[in-house]
C-alpha atoms as a PDB file:
ATOM      1  CA  MET A   1     128.002 100.470  98.939  1.00  0.00           C
ATOM      2  CA  GLY A   2     126.348  99.405 101.881  1.00  0.00           C
ATOM      3  CA  LEU A   3     122.520  98.863 102.669  1.00  0.00           C
ATOM      4  CA  PRO A   4     121.119 101.750 101.937  1.00  0.00           C
ATOM      5  CA  ASP A   5     121.406 104.693 104.983  1.00  0.00           C
ATOM      6  CA  ASN A   6     117.728 105.571 104.981  1.00  0.00           C
ATOM      7  CA  ILE A   7     117.474 101.888 106.135  1.00  0.00           C
ATOM      8  CA  PHE A   8     119.252 103.013 109.194  1.00  0.00           C
ATOM      9  CA  GLY A   9     118.235 106.019 109.603  1.00  0.00           C
ATOM     10  CA  SER A  10     121.549 108.235 108.879  1.00  0.00           C
ATOM     11  CA  ASP A  11     119.111 110.696 106.911  1.00  0.00           C
ATOM     12  CA  LYS A  12     116.795 113.243 108.017  1.00  0.00           C
ATOM     13  CA  SER A  13     113.330 111.706 106.649  1.00  0.00           C
ATOM     14  CA  SER A  14     114.167 108.108 107.839  1.00  0.00           C
ATOM     15  CA  PRO A  15     111.550 106.723 110.037  1.00  0.00           C
ATOM     16  CA  VAL A  16     114.914 105.367 112.636  1.00  0.00           C
ATOM     17  CA  PRO A  17     116.346 108.161 114.087  1.00  0.00           C
ATOM     18  CA  GLY A  18     120.429 107.218 115.342  1.00  0.00           C
ATOM     19  CA  GLY A  19     122.193 105.596 112.534  1.00  0.00           C
ATOM     20  CA  SER A  20     125.117 105.921 114.332  1.00  0.00           C
ATOM     21  CA  VAL A  21     124.249 103.245 116.173  1.00  0.00           C
ATOM     22  CA  ALA A  22     121.518 101.632 114.456  1.00  0.00           C
ATOM     23  CA  LYS A  23     123.463 100.543 111.229  1.00  0.00           C
ATOM     24  CA  PRO A  24     125.850  98.540 113.078  1.00  0.00           C
ATOM     25  CA  LEU A  25     123.953  97.187 115.817  1.00  0.00           C
ATOM     26  CA  VAL A  26     121.270  95.827 113.125  1.00  0.00           C
ATOM     27  CA  ILE A  27     124.490  94.755 110.836  1.00  0.00           C
ATOM     28  CA  ALA A  28     125.955  92.720 113.790  1.00  0.00           C
ATOM     29  CA  LEU A  29     122.360  91.551 114.695  1.00  0.00           C
ATOM     30  CA  LEU A  30     121.602  90.265 110.760  1.00  0.00           C
ATOM     31  CA  ALA A  31     125.169  88.750 111.049  1.00  0.00           C
ATOM     32  CA  LEU A  32     124.503  87.251 114.133  1.00  0.00           C
ATOM     33  CA  LEU A  33     121.539  85.517 113.222  1.00  0.00           C
ATOM     34  CA  ALA A  34     122.741  84.295 109.486  1.00  0.00           C
ATOM     35  CA  SER A  35     125.414  83.022 110.992  1.00  0.00           C
ATOM     36  CA  ARG A  36     123.385  80.787 113.769  1.00  0.00           C
ATOM     37  CA  TYR A  37     121.092  79.692 111.749  1.00  0.00           C
ATOM     38  CA  MET A  38     123.401  78.336 108.859  1.00  0.00           C
ATOM     39  CA  SER A  39     125.380  76.280 111.638  1.00  0.00           C
ATOM     40  CA  GLY A  40     122.306  75.056 113.480  1.00  0.00           C
ATOM     41  CA  LYS A  41     122.226  76.763 116.917  1.00  0.00           C
ATOM     42  CA  GLY A  42     118.904  79.122 115.868  1.00  0.00           C
ATOM     43  CA  ASN A  43     117.513  76.018 116.769  1.00  0.00           C
ATOM     44  CA  GLN A  44     118.786  75.680 120.380  1.00  0.00           C
ATOM     45  CA  GLN A  45     116.256  75.656 122.745  1.00  0.00           C
ATOM     46  CA  PRO A  46     116.193  79.413 124.934  1.00  0.00           C
ATOM     47  CA  GLY A  47     117.756  78.681 127.972  1.00  0.00           C
ATOM     48  CA  THR A  48     120.005  76.363 127.264  1.00  0.00           C
ATOM     49  CA  PRO A  49     123.818  77.478 128.734  1.00  0.00           C
ATOM     50  CA  ALA A  50     126.115  78.439 126.105  1.00  0.00           C
ATOM     51  CA  PRO A  51     130.047  78.339 127.287  1.00  0.00           C
ATOM     52  CA  ALA A  52     130.539  81.487 128.661  1.00  0.00           C
ATOM     53  CA  PRO A  53     133.048  83.380 126.613  1.00  0.00           C
ATOM     54  CA  ALA A  54     136.049  85.032 127.853  1.00  0.00           C
ATOM     55  CA  PRO A  55     135.741  88.855 128.846  1.00  0.00           C
ATOM     56  CA  ARG A  56     137.226  90.753 126.550  1.00  0.00           C
ATOM     57  CA  SER A  57     137.103  94.712 124.522  1.00  0.00           C
ATOM     58  CA  PRO A  58     134.366  94.892 122.270  1.00  0.00           C
ATOM     59  CA  ASP A  59     134.790  93.777 118.468  1.00  0.00           C
ATOM     60  CA  PRO A  60     135.411  96.166 115.527  1.00  0.00           C
ATOM     61  CA  VAL A  61     131.874  97.597 114.528  1.00  0.00           C
ATOM     62  CA  PRO A  62     131.510  94.504 111.448  1.00  0.00           C
ATOM     63  CA  SER A  63     131.860  94.879 108.044  1.00  0.00           C
ATOM     64  CA  SER A  64     129.117  97.820 106.277  1.00  0.00           C
ATOM     65  CA  ASP A  65     128.631  95.468 103.590  1.00  0.00           C
ATOM     66  CA  PRO A  66     127.529  92.497 104.703  1.00  0.00           C
ATOM     67  CA  SER A  67     126.200  89.957 101.551  1.00  0.00           C
ATOM     68  CA  PRO A  68     122.804  89.462 100.356  1.00  0.00           C
ATOM     69  CA  GLY A  69     122.575  85.874 101.454  1.00  0.00           C
ATOM     70  CA  SER A  70     123.394  87.120 104.942  1.00  0.00           C
ATOM     71  CA  VAL A  71     120.929  90.079 105.533  1.00  0.00           C
ATOM     72  CA  LEU A  72     118.549  87.523 104.294  1.00  0.00           C
ATOM     73  CA  ASP A  73     119.551  84.670 106.287  1.00  0.00           C
ATOM     74  CA  GLY A  74     119.288  87.126 109.102  1.00  0.00           C
ATOM     75  CA  LEU A  75     116.407  88.749 108.075  1.00  0.00           C
ATOM     76  CA  GLY A  76     114.807  85.384 107.529  1.00  0.00           C
ATOM     77  CA  GLY A  77     115.968  84.530 111.034  1.00  0.00           C
ATOM     78  CA  LEU A  78     114.775  87.057 112.801  1.00  0.00           C
ATOM     79  CA  ILE A  79     111.087  86.867 111.803  1.00  0.00           C
ATOM     80  CA  LYS A  80     111.340  83.252 112.909  1.00  0.00           C
ATOM     81  CA  GLN A  81     112.557  83.846 116.010  1.00  0.00           C
ATOM     82  CA  PHE A  82     110.258  86.676 116.890  1.00  0.00           C
ATOM     83  CA  GLN A  83     107.370  84.192 115.121  1.00  0.00           C
ATOM     84  CA  GLN A  84     108.510  81.206 117.450  1.00  0.00           C
ATOM     85  CA  LYS A  85     108.013  83.807 120.507  1.00  0.00           C
ATOM     86  CA  GLY A  86     104.322  83.963 119.845  1.00  0.00           C
ATOM     87  CA  LEU A  87     105.011  87.827 118.036  1.00  0.00           C
ATOM     88  CA  ASN A  88     103.493  87.037 115.106  1.00  0.00           C
ATOM     89  CA  ASP A  89     100.962  90.182 115.307  1.00  0.00           C
ATOM     90  CA  THR A  90     104.163  92.161 115.785  1.00  0.00           C
ATOM     91  CA  ILE A  91     105.805  90.931 113.374  1.00  0.00           C
ATOM     92  CA  ASP A  92     103.164  90.891 110.354  1.00  0.00           C
ATOM     93  CA  THR A  93     102.427  94.516 110.924  1.00  0.00           C
ATOM     94  CA  TRP A  94     106.359  95.413 110.148  1.00  0.00           C
ATOM     95  CA  ILE A  95     106.337  92.996 106.964  1.00  0.00           C
ATOM     96  CA  ASN A  96     102.675  94.296 105.637  1.00  0.00           C
ATOM     97  CA  PRO A  97     101.792  97.739 104.880  1.00  0.00           C
ATOM     98  CA  GLY A  98     100.093  99.620 106.940  1.00  0.00           C
ATOM     99  CA  ALA A  99     101.409 100.832 110.456  1.00  0.00           C
ATOM    100  CA  ASN A 100     103.755  99.436 112.387  1.00  0.00           C
ATOM    101  CA  LYS A 101     103.082  97.925 115.827  1.00  0.00           C
ATOM    102  CA  ASP A 102     105.812  98.607 118.659  1.00  0.00           C
ATOM    103  CA  ILE A 103     107.590  96.280 120.470  1.00  0.00           C
ATOM    104  CA  SER A 104     108.581  96.714 123.969  1.00  0.00           C
ATOM    105  CA  SER A 105     112.706  96.011 124.846  1.00  0.00           C
ATOM    106  CA  GLY A 106     111.372  93.478 127.165  1.00  0.00           C
ATOM    107  CA  GLN A 107     110.451  91.763 124.215  1.00  0.00           C
ATOM    108  CA  VAL A 108     112.677  91.758 121.984  1.00  0.00           C
ATOM    109  CA  SER A 109     114.876  90.400 124.842  1.00  0.00           C
ATOM    110  CA  ASP A 110     112.928  87.093 125.231  1.00  0.00           C
ATOM    111  CA  ALA A 111     112.440  86.859 121.413  1.00  0.00           C
ATOM    112  CA  LEU A 112     115.980  86.916 120.876  1.00  0.00           C
ATOM    113  CA  GLY A 113     117.358  85.437 123.825  1.00  0.00           C
ATOM    114  CA  ARG A 114     120.449  85.899 126.275  1.00  0.00           C
ATOM    115  CA  ASP A 115     123.225  84.872 124.251  1.00  0.00           C
ATOM    116  CA  VAL A 116     122.138  86.574 121.135  1.00  0.00           C
ATOM    117  CA  VAL A 117     121.659  90.428 123.399  1.00  0.00           C
ATOM    118  CA  ASP A 118     124.645  89.485 125.299  1.00  0.00           C
ATOM    119  CA  GLU A 119     126.608  88.867 122.230  1.00  0.00           C
ATOM    120  CA  LEU A 120     125.525  92.206 120.595  1.00  0.00           C
ATOM    121  CA  SER A 121     126.234  93.567 123.849  1.00  0.00           C
ATOM    122  CA  ARG A 122     130.086  92.351 123.394  1.00  0.00           C
ATOM    123  CA  ARG A 123     130.346  93.272 119.819  1.00  0.00           C
ATOM    124  CA  THR A 124     129.106  96.958 120.025  1.00  0.00           C
ATOM    125  CA  GLY A 125     130.145  97.756 123.153  1.00  0.00           C
ATOM    126  CA  LEU A 126     126.933  99.073 124.200  1.00  0.00           C
ATOM    127  CA  SER A 127     125.032  97.592 127.869  1.00  0.00           C
ATOM    128  CA  ARG A 128     122.434  95.204 127.601  1.00  0.00           C
ATOM    129  CA  ASP A 129     119.743  97.362 128.172  1.00  0.00           C
ATOM    130  CA  GLN A 130     120.850  99.845 125.636  1.00  0.00           C
ATOM    131  CA  VAL A 131     121.389  97.264 122.897  1.00  0.00           C
ATOM    132  CA  VAL A 132     117.360  95.824 123.766  1.00  0.00           C
ATOM    133  CA  ALA A 133     116.329  99.202 123.886  1.00  0.00           C
ATOM    134  CA  GLU A 134     118.120 100.587 119.975  1.00  0.00           C
ATOM    135  CA  LEU A 135     116.043  97.335 118.510  1.00  0.00           C
ATOM    136  CA  ALA A 136     113.257  97.927 120.680  1.00  0.00           C
ATOM    137  CA  ARG A 137     112.921 101.457 119.106  1.00  0.00           C
ATOM    138  CA  MET A 138     114.498 100.619 115.444  1.00  0.00           C
ATOM    139  CA  LEU A 139     113.196  96.864 114.736  1.00  0.00           C
ATOM    140  CA  PRO A 140     109.978  97.877 112.956  1.00  0.00           C
ATOM    141  CA  SER A 141     110.952 100.446 110.711  1.00  0.00           C
ATOM    142  CA  VAL A 142     114.173  98.141 109.178  1.00  0.00           C
ATOM    143  CA  VAL A 143     111.989  94.781 108.908  1.00  0.00           C
ATOM    144  CA  ASP A 144     109.515  97.071 107.566  1.00  0.00           C
ATOM    145  CA  LYS A 145     112.477  98.894 104.718  1.00  0.00           C
ATOM    146  CA  LEU A 146     113.088  95.443 104.162  1.00  0.00           C
ATOM    147  CA  THR A 147     110.454  94.132 103.371  1.00  0.00           C
ATOM    148  CA  PRO A 148     108.745  96.907 101.092  1.00  0.00           C
ATOM    149  CA  ASP A 149     106.396  94.121  99.269  1.00  0.00           C
ATOM    150  CA  GLY A 150     105.222  92.350 101.953  1.00  0.00           C
ATOM    151  CA  ARG A 151     107.164  89.512 102.047  1.00  0.00           C
ATOM    152  CA  LEU A 152     110.766  88.534 102.229  1.00  0.00           C
ATOM    153  CA  PRO A 153     113.273  89.977  99.875  1.00  0.00           C
ATOM    154  CA  THR A 154     114.846  87.958  96.792  1.00  0.00           C
ATOM    155  CA  ARG A 155     118.724  87.700  97.060  1.00  0.00           C
ATOM    156  CA  ALA A 156     118.667  89.641  93.784  1.00  0.00           C
ATOM    157  CA  GLU A 157     116.360  92.611  95.592  1.00  0.00           C
ATOM    158  CA  ILE A 158     118.714  92.408  98.562  1.00  0.00           C
ATOM    159  CA  GLN A 159     121.496  92.869  95.980  1.00  0.00           C
ATOM    160  CA  ARG A 160     119.753  95.945  94.504  1.00  0.00           C
ATOM    161  CA  LEU A 161     119.077  97.412  97.630  1.00  0.00           C
ATOM    162  CA  MET A 162     122.842  97.201  98.445  1.00  0.00           C
ATOM    163  CA  GLY A 163     124.047  98.917  95.115  1.00  0.00           C
END
């Protein structure tokens, strides 16, 4: 069983509509950020040119069963990226109890960087604009659901969420 569908908007009561796009996009984002941070690429300066990847068709949708460690590492990397771009106040509203502050597509694009957005676009088959628009729409609710106690969950808590 994967992460609960209500985190990604598969049920009508979810705060994140559009689960058919949301779930694979968030899984791809968390997996990508986790792999970048684990390989040390998360500290690469923004704007540092990366080798251009060869054009190819979109990858298959990432596994719907990411490991607890990859979810936790990806979530931590996501939070760090946003904090480094001066979005502490915004990300804090998603983590802490209370109303979630909205974020613009431009802020998401700036926080994640061109390489991450391009990679997500390639992996999902969505345009760059679609990727950042979807992330801007759903990240506040997803981060809020993954941090119900106002903090990053432990691996054991992620494991329980994943069933």
